[in-house]
Amino acid sequence: MNKNLHPVLETKGLCKTYDDNGKRLSILKNIDLRIMPGEFVAIVGSSGSGKSTLLHCLGGLDLIDSGSVWVDGENLFELKEKDRTIFRNQKLGFVYQFHHLLAEFSALENVSMPLRIRRLDTTEVNSKALQILEEMGLKDRASHLPSQLSGGERQRVAIARAIVSEPVCLLADEPTGNLDDTTAKMVIDHLLKLIANKNIAVVIVTHDMDIASRCDRILHLKNGQIFEK
């Protein structure tokens, strides 16, 4: 990794609190974080430690109380909500524990959806979506509906959909949490292969230390703060 590159995602003094029956509960405390292009970073921590909250703040899905979140040089929370949504859809990809695929659309149509929304040329969109599916080992499943795919295949389609628009960073929240160990390893294998030549950073929240051990860095979230070991 080139140390002269600028971070694709950076937080400075990020704080997040929730209201707990009239009392402010501090979830994230002055989080400073830098994610570089092409990095594969794991966030681990006990249940309820705020891992998913941190990921949502990094993606601009949850508002923050103070601090800043920078994506590709842009301060997310200085943007108006509409502009933040557009920027987020262009610069970030999201994958969750459950695939959230559209049941009535084929794998190819699901993957191409982020580009279709931008009203890009249909032929170009389908070609790009098919290429991503091929890289995920799913070219022969392109016409299948989600109900016709295995759990691992559905999750690979979800990853392809998140990456088809070539975001600078992919945010993944327990993307293998609903899969058995063998399938989870296969999904991560495909993910690593897919991002290897695209310089896309990945921040993955996971409880699976086997997956975390394959990352460039492991960040531990404890008592609202980040520790790196």
Protein backbone atom coordinates (compact mmCIF):
# COMPACT_ATOMS: atom_id res chain seq x y z
CA MET A 1 0.00 0.00 0.00
CA ASN A 2 1.36 3.42 -1.00
CA LYS A 3 1.85 5.47 2.17
CA ASN A 4 1.63 8.70 0.14
CA LEU A 5 -1.99 8.08 -0.77
CA HIS A 6 -4.72 10.04 0.96
CA PRO A 7 -7.25 8.12 3.08
CA VAL A 8 -10.50 7.23 1.34
CA LEU A 9 -12.29 7.32 4.68
CA GLU A 10 -11.30 9.27 7.78
CA THR A 11 -12.92 10.25 11.05
CA LYS A 12 -11.79 12.97 13.44
CA GLY A 13 -13.14 13.06 16.98
CA LEU A 14 -16.31 11.16 16.03
CA CYS A 15 -18.80 11.01 18.91
CA LYS A 16 -22.21 9.36 18.98
CA THR A 17 -24.71 9.24 21.83
CA TYR A 18 -28.20 7.83 22.23
CA ASP A 19 -31.04 8.86 24.51
CA ASP A 20 -31.71 6.15 27.10
CA ASN A 21 -34.88 7.11 28.98
CA GLY A 22 -33.79 10.71 29.26
CA LYS A 23 -30.14 9.91 29.91
CA ARG A 24 -27.49 10.36 27.24
CA LEU A 25 -25.65 7.12 26.57
CA SER A 26 -22.23 7.56 24.96
CA ILE A 27 -21.65 4.91 22.27
CA LEU A 28 -18.66 6.27 20.34
CA LYS A 29 -16.06 8.50 22.02
CA ASN A 30 -13.68 10.64 19.95
CA ILE A 31 -13.03 8.03 17.27
CA ASP A 32 -10.08 8.84 15.01
CA LEU A 33 -9.79 6.48 12.06
CA ARG A 34 -7.99 6.42 8.72
CA ILE A 35 -8.72 3.90 5.98
CA MET A 36 -6.40 3.89 2.98
CA PRO A 37 -7.18 2.87 -0.61
CA GLY A 38 -7.26 -0.90 -1.01
CA GLU A 39 -7.09 -1.63 2.73
CA PHE A 40 -9.07 -4.52 4.20
CA VAL A 41 -9.88 -3.58 7.81
CA ALA A 42 -11.84 -5.56 10.40
CA ILE A 43 -13.76 -4.03 13.30
CA VAL A 44 -14.32 -6.47 16.14
CA GLY A 45 -15.81 -6.14 19.61
CA SER A 46 -18.34 -7.62 21.98
CA SER A 47 -22.05 -7.63 21.22
CA GLY A 48 -23.51 -4.20 21.88
CA SER A 49 -20.13 -2.44 21.72
CA GLY A 50 -21.30 -0.15 18.92
CA LYS A 51 -19.69 -1.80 15.89
CA SER A 52 -22.75 -1.47 13.65
CA THR A 53 -23.35 2.07 14.92
CA LEU A 54 -19.79 3.01 13.95
CA LEU A 55 -20.27 1.51 10.49
CA HIS A 56 -23.53 3.42 10.02
CA CYS A 57 -21.81 6.65 11.04
CA LEU A 58 -18.95 5.97 8.62
CA GLY A 59 -21.52 5.59 5.84
CA GLY A 60 -23.53 8.65 6.80
CA LEU A 61 -26.57 6.49 7.60
CA ASP A 62 -26.62 7.63 11.24
CA LEU A 63 -26.09 11.25 12.27
CA ILE A 64 -23.18 11.97 14.60
CA ASP A 65 -23.10 14.25 17.65
CA SER A 66 -19.70 15.79 16.99
CA GLY A 67 -16.52 15.27 15.00
CA SER A 68 -16.34 14.60 11.29
CA VAL A 69 -16.43 11.82 8.72
CA TRP A 70 -14.51 12.34 5.49
CA VAL A 71 -15.05 10.17 2.42
CA ASP A 72 -12.76 10.69 -0.58
CA GLY A 73 -11.90 14.17 0.71
CA GLU A 74 -15.52 15.26 1.34
CA ASN A 75 -16.94 15.97 4.80
CA LEU A 76 -20.13 13.87 4.81
CA PHE A 77 -21.96 15.84 7.44
CA GLU A 78 -21.32 19.21 5.85
CA LEU A 79 -23.46 18.05 2.92
CA LYS A 80 -27.20 18.55 2.83
CA GLU A 81 -29.13 15.34 3.35
CA LYS A 82 -30.07 14.98 -0.32
CA ASP A 83 -26.51 15.66 -1.46
CA ARG A 84 -25.16 13.26 1.17
CA THR A 85 -27.44 10.51 -0.16
CA ILE A 86 -26.24 11.05 -3.73
CA PHE A 87 -22.60 11.23 -2.65
CA ARG A 88 -22.93 8.12 -0.51
CA ASN A 89 -24.47 6.14 -3.36
CA GLN A 90 -21.58 7.12 -5.63
CA LYS A 91 -18.69 6.64 -3.22
CA LEU A 92 -19.70 3.88 -0.80
CA GLY A 93 -20.95 0.32 -1.07
CA PHE A 94 -22.91 -1.47 1.66
CA VAL A 95 -23.31 -5.17 2.45
CA TYR A 96 -25.27 -6.54 5.39
CA GLN A 97 -25.77 -9.89 7.11
CA PHE A 98 -28.93 -10.39 5.07
CA HIS A 99 -28.61 -9.88 1.34
CA HIS A 100 -31.66 -7.61 0.81
CA LEU A 101 -31.91 -8.61 -2.83
CA LEU A 102 -35.08 -7.73 -4.75
CA ALA A 103 -36.97 -11.02 -4.99
CA GLU A 104 -38.66 -10.34 -8.32
CA PHE A 105 -35.44 -9.43 -10.14
CA SER A 106 -32.70 -11.73 -11.45
CA ALA A 107 -29.15 -11.71 -10.11
CA LEU A 108 -28.07 -9.62 -13.10
CA GLU A 109 -30.89 -7.12 -12.58
CA ASN A 110 -30.12 -6.85 -8.87
CA VAL A 111 -26.44 -6.18 -9.50
CA SER A 112 -27.16 -3.64 -12.22
CA MET A 113 -29.73 -1.71 -10.13
CA PRO A 114 -27.32 0.94 -8.73
CA LEU A 115 -26.28 1.83 -12.28
CA ARG A 116 -29.82 1.67 -13.67
CA ILE A 117 -30.87 4.24 -11.07
CA ARG A 118 -28.32 6.60 -12.61
CA ARG A 119 -30.02 6.11 -15.99
CA LEU A 120 -26.84 4.85 -17.63
CA ASP A 121 -26.85 3.03 -20.98
CA THR A 122 -28.59 -0.33 -20.51
CA THR A 123 -26.12 -2.30 -22.65
CA GLU A 124 -23.16 -0.86 -20.77
CA VAL A 125 -24.86 -1.44 -17.41
CA ASN A 126 -25.65 -5.09 -18.15
CA SER A 127 -22.15 -5.71 -19.47
CA LYS A 128 -20.58 -4.30 -16.33
CA ALA A 129 -22.94 -6.21 -14.04
CA LEU A 130 -22.25 -9.46 -15.87
CA GLN A 131 -18.50 -8.90 -15.60
CA ILE A 132 -18.78 -8.44 -11.82
CA LEU A 133 -20.92 -11.57 -11.53
CA GLU A 134 -18.32 -13.50 -13.53
CA GLU A 135 -15.57 -12.29 -11.18
CA MET A 136 -17.70 -13.53 -8.28
CA GLY A 137 -18.06 -16.93 -9.96
CA LEU A 138 -21.74 -16.40 -10.73
CA LYS A 139 -21.91 -15.79 -14.47
CA ASP A 140 -24.01 -18.93 -15.00
CA ARG A 141 -26.45 -17.76 -12.32
CA ALA A 142 -27.09 -14.32 -13.81
CA SER A 143 -30.66 -15.07 -14.90
CA HIS A 144 -31.65 -16.78 -11.64
CA LEU A 145 -33.96 -15.18 -9.07
CA PRO A 146 -32.71 -14.89 -5.46
CA SER A 147 -35.03 -17.74 -4.47
CA GLN A 148 -33.14 -19.98 -6.90
CA LEU A 149 -29.74 -19.20 -5.36
CA SER A 150 -28.00 -20.64 -2.32
CA GLY A 151 -27.26 -18.47 0.70
CA GLY A 152 -23.64 -18.01 -0.32
CA GLU A 153 -24.63 -17.15 -3.88
CA ARG A 154 -27.14 -14.57 -2.69
CA GLN A 155 -24.51 -12.91 -0.54
CA ARG A 156 -22.03 -12.86 -3.42
CA VAL A 157 -24.69 -11.17 -5.57
CA ALA A 158 -25.18 -8.60 -2.80
CA ILE A 159 -21.43 -7.92 -2.75
CA ALA A 160 -21.37 -7.61 -6.55
CA ARG A 161 -24.23 -5.10 -6.35
CA ALA A 162 -22.33 -3.06 -3.75
CA ILE A 163 -19.16 -2.95 -5.86
CA VAL A 164 -20.55 -2.58 -9.40
CA SER A 165 -20.46 1.21 -9.18
CA GLU A 166 -16.79 1.09 -8.10
CA PRO A 167 -17.05 2.84 -4.72
CA VAL A 168 -13.92 3.99 -2.91
CA CYS A 169 -14.91 1.95 0.15
CA LEU A 170 -17.14 -1.01 0.92
CA LEU A 171 -18.77 -1.12 4.36
CA ALA A 172 -19.78 -4.65 5.37
CA ASP A 173 -21.76 -5.46 8.52
CA GLU A 174 -21.40 -9.16 9.42
CA PRO A 175 -21.69 -10.15 5.74
CA THR A 176 -21.04 -13.82 6.52
CA GLY A 177 -22.92 -13.96 9.82
CA ASN A 178 -25.79 -15.91 8.30
CA LEU A 179 -23.55 -18.48 6.57
CA ASP A 180 -21.82 -21.67 7.62
CA ASP A 181 -18.03 -21.58 8.02
CA THR A 182 -17.22 -23.16 4.65
CA THR A 183 -19.57 -20.86 2.73
CA ALA A 184 -18.35 -17.83 4.68
CA LYS A 185 -14.75 -18.58 3.70
CA MET A 186 -15.75 -18.92 0.06
CA VAL A 187 -17.60 -15.59 0.11
CA ILE A 188 -14.58 -13.82 1.63
CA ASP A 189 -12.29 -15.52 -0.90
CA HIS A 190 -14.39 -14.08 -3.74
CA LEU A 191 -14.53 -10.67 -2.07
CA LEU A 192 -10.76 -10.50 -1.68
CA LYS A 193 -10.26 -11.57 -5.27
CA LEU A 194 -12.78 -9.03 -6.53
CA ILE A 195 -11.29 -6.01 -4.74
CA ALA A 196 -7.65 -6.99 -5.27
CA ASN A 197 -7.28 -5.09 -8.55
CA LYS A 198 -9.88 -2.40 -7.94
CA ASN A 199 -8.19 -0.54 -5.07
CA ILE A 200 -11.46 -0.56 -3.13
CA ALA A 201 -11.07 -0.34 0.64
CA VAL A 202 -13.19 -2.64 2.81
CA VAL A 203 -14.27 -2.07 6.39
CA ILE A 204 -15.88 -5.22 7.75
CA VAL A 205 -17.64 -5.67 11.08
CA THR A 206 -17.29 -9.31 12.06
CA HIS A 207 -17.34 -11.65 15.04
CA ASP A 208 -15.41 -14.25 13.03
CA MET A 209 -11.75 -14.03 13.99
CA ASP A 210 -10.77 -16.30 11.09
CA ILE A 211 -12.08 -13.61 8.74
CA ALA A 212 -10.56 -10.81 10.81
CA SER A 213 -7.16 -12.52 10.67
CA ARG A 214 -7.19 -12.21 6.88
CA CYS A 215 -7.51 -8.43 7.06
CA ASP A 216 -4.67 -5.92 6.85
CA ARG A 217 -5.64 -4.50 10.25
CA ILE A 218 -7.91 -5.47 13.14
CA LEU A 219 -9.53 -2.66 15.11
CA HIS A 220 -11.08 -3.46 18.49
CA LEU A 221 -14.04 -1.37 19.63
CA LYS A 222 -14.31 -1.32 23.43
CA ASN A 223 -15.98 1.21 25.75
CA GLY A 224 -16.67 3.46 22.79
CA GLN A 225 -13.04 3.69 21.69
CA ILE A 226 -10.91 2.08 19.00
CA PHE A 227 -7.81 0.07 19.84
CA GLU A 228 -5.49 -1.48 17.25
CA LYS A 229 -3.50 -4.60 18.02
